[in-house]
């Protein structure tokens, strides 16, 4: 036993616990479904507020929305906790939904 190597103590979160799994699940939902919703709302809000013709505004807004979705996904995993990730995504979605509603129907 003197020469036998001992296993190092485990550090970091226990990946088998429900708390860790819930953390990952909440971030995954915020990073997928939330990113899709925010990208769609961002595209709609930008298309309705850009001072361009309808087709041009839609194309520009859609292209920029493709950049917003991965940014939201990355932010969901970089947030301090799963609660902040979910609340941040819901808050941003509510803000964008208000902008879409305030901008009115597309011209």
N, C-alpha and C. Protein backbone atom coordinates (compact mmCIF):
# COMPACT_ATOMS: atom_id res chain seq x y z
N UNK A 1 0.81 -1.19 0.00
CA UNK A 1 0.00 0.00 0.00
C UNK A 1 0.85 1.26 0.00
N UNK A 2 2.05 1.12 0.42
CA UNK A 2 2.90 2.30 0.50
C UNK A 2 3.18 2.89 -0.88
N UNK A 3 3.39 2.06 -1.89
CA UNK A 3 3.75 2.54 -3.21
C UNK A 3 2.54 2.72 -4.12
N UNK A 4 1.33 2.34 -3.69
CA UNK A 4 0.15 2.44 -4.55
C UNK A 4 -0.29 3.90 -4.68
N UNK A 5 -0.63 4.27 -5.89
CA UNK A 5 -1.09 5.64 -6.14
C UNK A 5 -2.54 5.78 -5.69
N UNK A 6 -2.81 6.86 -5.02
CA UNK A 6 -4.17 7.12 -4.60
C UNK A 6 -4.83 8.07 -5.59
N UNK A 7 -6.14 7.91 -5.75
CA UNK A 7 -6.89 8.78 -6.65
C UNK A 7 -6.96 10.18 -6.04
N UNK A 8 -6.79 11.16 -6.87
CA UNK A 8 -6.86 12.55 -6.40
C UNK A 8 -8.30 12.88 -6.03
N UNK A 9 -8.47 13.72 -5.02
CA UNK A 9 -9.84 14.10 -4.65
C UNK A 9 -10.50 14.84 -5.81
N UNK A 10 -11.75 14.57 -5.96
CA UNK A 10 -12.51 15.16 -7.07
C UNK A 10 -12.83 16.62 -6.79
N UNK A 11 -12.58 17.48 -7.77
CA UNK A 11 -12.88 18.90 -7.62
C UNK A 11 -13.92 19.30 -8.64
N UNK A 12 -14.61 20.39 -8.36
CA UNK A 12 -15.62 20.87 -9.29
C UNK A 12 -16.97 20.27 -8.99
N UNK A 13 -17.95 20.61 -9.81
CA UNK A 13 -19.32 20.15 -9.54
C UNK A 13 -19.46 18.66 -9.81
N UNK A 14 -20.35 18.04 -9.08
CA UNK A 14 -20.66 16.64 -9.31
C UNK A 14 -21.62 16.57 -10.49
N UNK A 15 -21.17 16.04 -11.58
CA UNK A 15 -21.95 16.05 -12.81
C UNK A 15 -23.13 15.08 -12.78
N UNK A 16 -23.25 14.31 -11.73
CA UNK A 16 -24.36 13.38 -11.61
C UNK A 16 -25.49 13.95 -10.77
N UNK A 17 -25.29 15.11 -10.16
CA UNK A 17 -26.32 15.66 -9.27
C UNK A 17 -27.43 16.33 -10.09
N UNK A 18 -28.61 16.38 -9.50
CA UNK A 18 -29.75 17.01 -10.17
C UNK A 18 -29.56 18.51 -10.29
N UNK A 19 -28.86 19.09 -9.35
CA UNK A 19 -28.62 20.53 -9.40
C UNK A 19 -27.78 20.89 -10.63
N UNK A 20 -26.74 20.13 -10.88
CA UNK A 20 -25.89 20.38 -12.04
C UNK A 20 -26.66 20.14 -13.33
N UNK A 21 -27.43 19.07 -13.37
CA UNK A 21 -28.20 18.76 -14.57
C UNK A 21 -29.27 19.81 -14.83
N UNK A 22 -29.90 20.32 -13.79
CA UNK A 22 -30.88 21.39 -13.95
C UNK A 22 -30.24 22.67 -14.45
N UNK A 23 -29.03 22.94 -13.95
CA UNK A 23 -28.26 24.10 -14.39
C UNK A 23 -28.00 24.02 -15.89
N UNK A 24 -27.53 22.88 -16.34
CA UNK A 24 -27.24 22.70 -17.76
C UNK A 24 -28.52 22.74 -18.59
N UNK A 25 -29.59 22.13 -18.10
CA UNK A 25 -30.86 22.12 -18.83
C UNK A 25 -31.42 23.53 -18.99
N UNK A 26 -31.38 24.33 -17.92
CA UNK A 26 -31.89 25.70 -18.00
C UNK A 26 -31.08 26.53 -18.97
N UNK A 27 -29.77 26.40 -18.92
CA UNK A 27 -28.93 27.15 -19.85
C UNK A 27 -29.14 26.69 -21.30
N UNK A 28 -29.33 25.39 -21.48
CA UNK A 28 -29.56 24.87 -22.83
C UNK A 28 -30.88 25.39 -23.40
N UNK A 29 -31.93 25.39 -22.58
CA UNK A 29 -33.21 25.93 -23.05
C UNK A 29 -33.11 27.42 -23.34
N UNK A 30 -32.44 28.15 -22.47
CA UNK A 30 -32.27 29.59 -22.70
C UNK A 30 -31.42 29.85 -23.93
N UNK A 31 -30.45 28.99 -24.17
CA UNK A 31 -29.55 29.18 -25.30
C UNK A 31 -30.09 28.70 -26.62
N UNK A 32 -31.12 27.86 -26.62
CA UNK A 32 -31.68 27.37 -27.88
C UNK A 32 -33.02 28.04 -28.17
N UNK A 33 -34.01 27.74 -27.36
CA UNK A 33 -35.34 28.30 -27.58
C UNK A 33 -35.32 29.81 -27.39
N UNK A 34 -34.63 30.25 -26.35
CA UNK A 34 -34.54 31.69 -26.11
C UNK A 34 -33.79 32.42 -27.21
N UNK A 35 -32.72 31.82 -27.70
CA UNK A 35 -31.96 32.46 -28.78
C UNK A 35 -32.79 32.54 -30.05
N UNK A 36 -33.57 31.51 -30.33
CA UNK A 36 -34.45 31.54 -31.50
C UNK A 36 -35.49 32.64 -31.37
N UNK A 37 -36.11 32.72 -30.20
CA UNK A 37 -37.14 33.74 -29.99
C UNK A 37 -36.55 35.15 -30.07
N UNK A 38 -35.40 35.35 -29.47
CA UNK A 38 -34.78 36.68 -29.51
C UNK A 38 -34.34 37.03 -30.92
N UNK A 39 -33.81 36.08 -31.66
CA UNK A 39 -33.41 36.36 -33.04
C UNK A 39 -34.62 36.72 -33.89
N UNK A 40 -35.73 36.01 -33.70
CA UNK A 40 -36.95 36.32 -34.46
C UNK A 40 -37.50 37.69 -34.09
N UNK A 41 -37.54 37.99 -32.80
CA UNK A 41 -38.03 39.30 -32.36
C UNK A 41 -37.09 40.42 -32.78
N UNK A 42 -35.79 40.16 -32.72
CA UNK A 42 -34.82 41.17 -33.17
C UNK A 42 -35.00 41.47 -34.64
N UNK A 43 -35.15 40.42 -35.44
CA UNK A 43 -35.36 40.62 -36.87
C UNK A 43 -36.64 41.38 -37.17
N UNK A 44 -37.71 41.05 -36.46
CA UNK A 44 -38.98 41.75 -36.68
C UNK A 44 -38.89 43.20 -36.24
N UNK A 45 -38.26 43.44 -35.09
CA UNK A 45 -38.15 44.81 -34.59
C UNK A 45 -37.28 45.66 -35.51
N UNK A 46 -36.17 45.10 -35.95
CA UNK A 46 -35.27 45.86 -36.80
C UNK A 46 -35.88 46.10 -38.18
N UNK A 47 -36.56 45.11 -38.72
CA UNK A 47 -37.19 45.26 -40.04
C UNK A 47 -38.26 46.34 -40.01
N UNK A 48 -38.95 46.47 -38.89
CA UNK A 48 -40.02 47.46 -38.81
C UNK A 48 -39.51 48.86 -38.50
N UNK A 49 -38.31 48.97 -37.97
CA UNK A 49 -37.82 50.29 -37.59
C UNK A 49 -36.76 50.85 -38.52
N UNK A 50 -36.18 50.04 -39.39
CA UNK A 50 -35.17 50.56 -40.32
C UNK A 50 -35.82 51.45 -41.37
N UNK A 51 -35.20 52.55 -41.70
CA UNK A 51 -35.78 53.46 -42.71
C UNK A 51 -35.40 53.03 -44.14
N UNK A 52 -35.68 51.80 -44.46
CA UNK A 52 -35.41 51.27 -45.79
C UNK A 52 -36.70 50.74 -46.39
N UNK A 53 -36.63 50.37 -47.67
CA UNK A 53 -37.79 49.71 -48.25
C UNK A 53 -38.00 48.38 -47.56
N UNK A 54 -39.23 47.86 -47.67
CA UNK A 54 -39.60 46.68 -46.89
C UNK A 54 -38.68 45.49 -47.15
N UNK A 55 -38.40 45.20 -48.40
CA UNK A 55 -37.56 44.05 -48.73
C UNK A 55 -36.13 44.25 -48.22
N UNK A 56 -35.58 45.42 -48.42
CA UNK A 56 -34.22 45.69 -47.96
C UNK A 56 -34.11 45.63 -46.45
N UNK A 57 -35.10 46.19 -45.76
CA UNK A 57 -35.09 46.16 -44.29
C UNK A 57 -35.20 44.72 -43.78
N UNK A 58 -36.00 43.91 -44.44
CA UNK A 58 -36.16 42.52 -44.02
C UNK A 58 -34.86 41.74 -44.21
N UNK A 59 -34.19 41.95 -45.33
CA UNK A 59 -32.94 41.23 -45.59
C UNK A 59 -31.86 41.64 -44.59
N UNK A 60 -31.71 42.94 -44.35
CA UNK A 60 -30.70 43.41 -43.40
C UNK A 60 -31.00 42.90 -41.99
N UNK A 61 -32.27 42.96 -41.59
CA UNK A 61 -32.65 42.52 -40.26
C UNK A 61 -32.43 41.02 -40.08
N UNK A 62 -32.73 40.24 -41.11
CA UNK A 62 -32.54 38.80 -41.03
C UNK A 62 -31.06 38.43 -40.93
N UNK A 63 -30.24 39.09 -41.72
CA UNK A 63 -28.81 38.81 -41.67
C UNK A 63 -28.22 39.16 -40.30
N UNK A 64 -28.66 40.26 -39.73
CA UNK A 64 -28.17 40.63 -38.39
C UNK A 64 -28.72 39.70 -37.31
N UNK A 65 -29.93 39.19 -37.52
CA UNK A 65 -30.51 38.26 -36.55
C UNK A 65 -29.71 36.97 -36.50
N UNK A 66 -29.09 36.59 -37.62
CA UNK A 66 -28.24 35.39 -37.61
C UNK A 66 -27.01 35.59 -36.73
N UNK A 67 -26.62 36.81 -36.46
CA UNK A 67 -25.51 37.07 -35.55
C UNK A 67 -25.97 37.14 -34.09
N UNK A 68 -27.22 37.52 -33.90
CA UNK A 68 -27.75 37.67 -32.54
C UNK A 68 -27.96 36.30 -31.88
N UNK A 69 -28.45 35.33 -32.64
CA UNK A 69 -28.77 34.02 -32.06
C UNK A 69 -27.56 33.34 -31.41
N UNK A 70 -26.41 33.24 -32.08
CA UNK A 70 -25.28 32.62 -31.39
C UNK A 70 -24.76 33.46 -30.23
N UNK A 71 -24.90 34.77 -30.32
CA UNK A 71 -24.46 35.63 -29.21
C UNK A 71 -25.30 35.35 -27.96
N UNK A 72 -26.60 35.16 -28.14
CA UNK A 72 -27.48 34.86 -27.01
C UNK A 72 -27.14 33.48 -26.44
N UNK A 73 -26.85 32.53 -27.30
CA UNK A 73 -26.50 31.19 -26.83
C UNK A 73 -25.21 31.21 -26.01
N UNK A 74 -24.21 31.92 -26.49
CA UNK A 74 -22.96 32.02 -25.75
C UNK A 74 -23.18 32.73 -24.43
N UNK A 75 -23.98 33.79 -24.44
CA UNK A 75 -24.24 34.53 -23.20
C UNK A 75 -24.98 33.65 -22.19
N UNK A 76 -25.88 32.79 -22.65
CA UNK A 76 -26.63 31.93 -21.72
C UNK A 76 -25.68 31.01 -20.94
N UNK A 77 -24.59 30.59 -21.57
CA UNK A 77 -23.64 29.74 -20.87
C UNK A 77 -22.61 30.54 -20.09
N UNK A 78 -22.43 31.80 -20.43
CA UNK A 78 -21.47 32.63 -19.69
C UNK A 78 -22.10 33.37 -18.52
N UNK A 79 -23.41 33.39 -18.44
CA UNK A 79 -24.09 34.08 -17.34
C UNK A 79 -23.68 33.45 -16.01
N UNK A 80 -23.76 34.23 -14.96
CA UNK A 80 -23.30 33.76 -13.64
C UNK A 80 -24.06 32.56 -13.13
N UNK A 81 -25.32 32.47 -13.45
CA UNK A 81 -26.12 31.35 -13.00
C UNK A 81 -27.24 31.08 -13.97
N UNK A 82 -27.90 29.93 -13.85
CA UNK A 82 -28.98 29.62 -14.78
C UNK A 82 -30.17 30.56 -14.63
N UNK A 83 -30.40 31.05 -13.43
CA UNK A 83 -31.50 32.00 -13.23
C UNK A 83 -31.26 33.29 -13.97
N UNK A 84 -30.04 33.78 -13.91
CA UNK A 84 -29.71 35.01 -14.65
C UNK A 84 -29.82 34.80 -16.14
N UNK A 85 -29.44 33.64 -16.61
CA UNK A 85 -29.54 33.36 -18.04
C UNK A 85 -31.00 33.37 -18.49
N UNK A 86 -31.86 32.71 -17.74
CA UNK A 86 -33.26 32.63 -18.12
C UNK A 86 -33.93 34.00 -17.99
N UNK A 87 -33.68 34.70 -16.89
CA UNK A 87 -34.29 36.02 -16.70
C UNK A 87 -33.78 37.01 -17.74
N UNK A 88 -32.50 36.92 -18.07
CA UNK A 88 -31.95 37.81 -19.09
C UNK A 88 -32.57 37.58 -20.46
N UNK A 89 -32.76 36.32 -20.82
CA UNK A 89 -33.37 35.99 -22.11
C UNK A 89 -34.82 36.43 -22.13
N UNK A 90 -35.55 36.18 -21.06
CA UNK A 90 -36.96 36.58 -21.01
C UNK A 90 -37.08 38.10 -21.02
N UNK A 91 -36.21 38.79 -20.29
CA UNK A 91 -36.25 40.25 -20.28
C UNK A 91 -35.95 40.85 -21.64
N UNK A 92 -34.94 40.34 -22.32
CA UNK A 92 -34.62 40.84 -23.64
C UNK A 92 -35.73 40.53 -24.64
N UNK A 93 -36.33 39.35 -24.53
CA UNK A 93 -37.45 39.00 -25.40
C UNK A 93 -38.64 39.93 -25.16
N UNK A 94 -38.90 40.26 -23.90
CA UNK A 94 -40.01 41.17 -23.59
C UNK A 94 -39.74 42.57 -24.15
N UNK A 95 -38.50 43.03 -24.02
CA UNK A 95 -38.14 44.35 -24.56
C UNK A 95 -38.31 44.38 -26.08
N UNK A 96 -37.82 43.35 -26.76
CA UNK A 96 -37.95 43.30 -28.21
C UNK A 96 -39.40 43.15 -28.64
N UNK A 97 -40.19 42.38 -27.89
CA UNK A 97 -41.62 42.25 -28.20
C UNK A 97 -42.33 43.59 -28.05
N UNK A 98 -41.95 44.36 -27.05
CA UNK A 98 -42.54 45.70 -26.88
C UNK A 98 -42.18 46.61 -28.04
N UNK A 99 -40.95 46.53 -28.52
CA UNK A 99 -40.53 47.34 -29.67
C UNK A 99 -41.31 46.93 -30.91
N UNK A 100 -41.48 45.63 -31.11
CA UNK A 100 -42.26 45.16 -32.27
C UNK A 100 -43.70 45.65 -32.17
N UNK A 101 -44.28 45.55 -30.98
CA UNK A 101 -45.67 45.98 -30.80
C UNK A 101 -45.79 47.49 -31.00
N UNK A 102 -44.84 48.25 -30.46
CA UNK A 102 -44.88 49.70 -30.58
C UNK A 102 -44.66 50.15 -32.03
N UNK A 103 -43.85 49.44 -32.78
CA UNK A 103 -43.57 49.81 -34.17
C UNK A 103 -44.80 49.59 -35.05
N UNK A 104 -45.70 48.75 -34.63
CA UNK A 104 -46.92 48.53 -35.39
C UNK A 104 -46.73 47.53 -36.51
N UNK A 105 -47.77 47.38 -37.33
CA UNK A 105 -47.68 46.41 -38.43
C UNK A 105 -46.67 46.87 -39.48
N UNK A 106 -46.11 45.91 -40.22
CA UNK A 106 -45.14 46.28 -41.24
C UNK A 106 -45.76 47.18 -42.30
N UNK A 107 -44.99 48.10 -42.80
CA UNK A 107 -45.50 49.04 -43.80
C UNK A 107 -45.63 48.41 -45.15
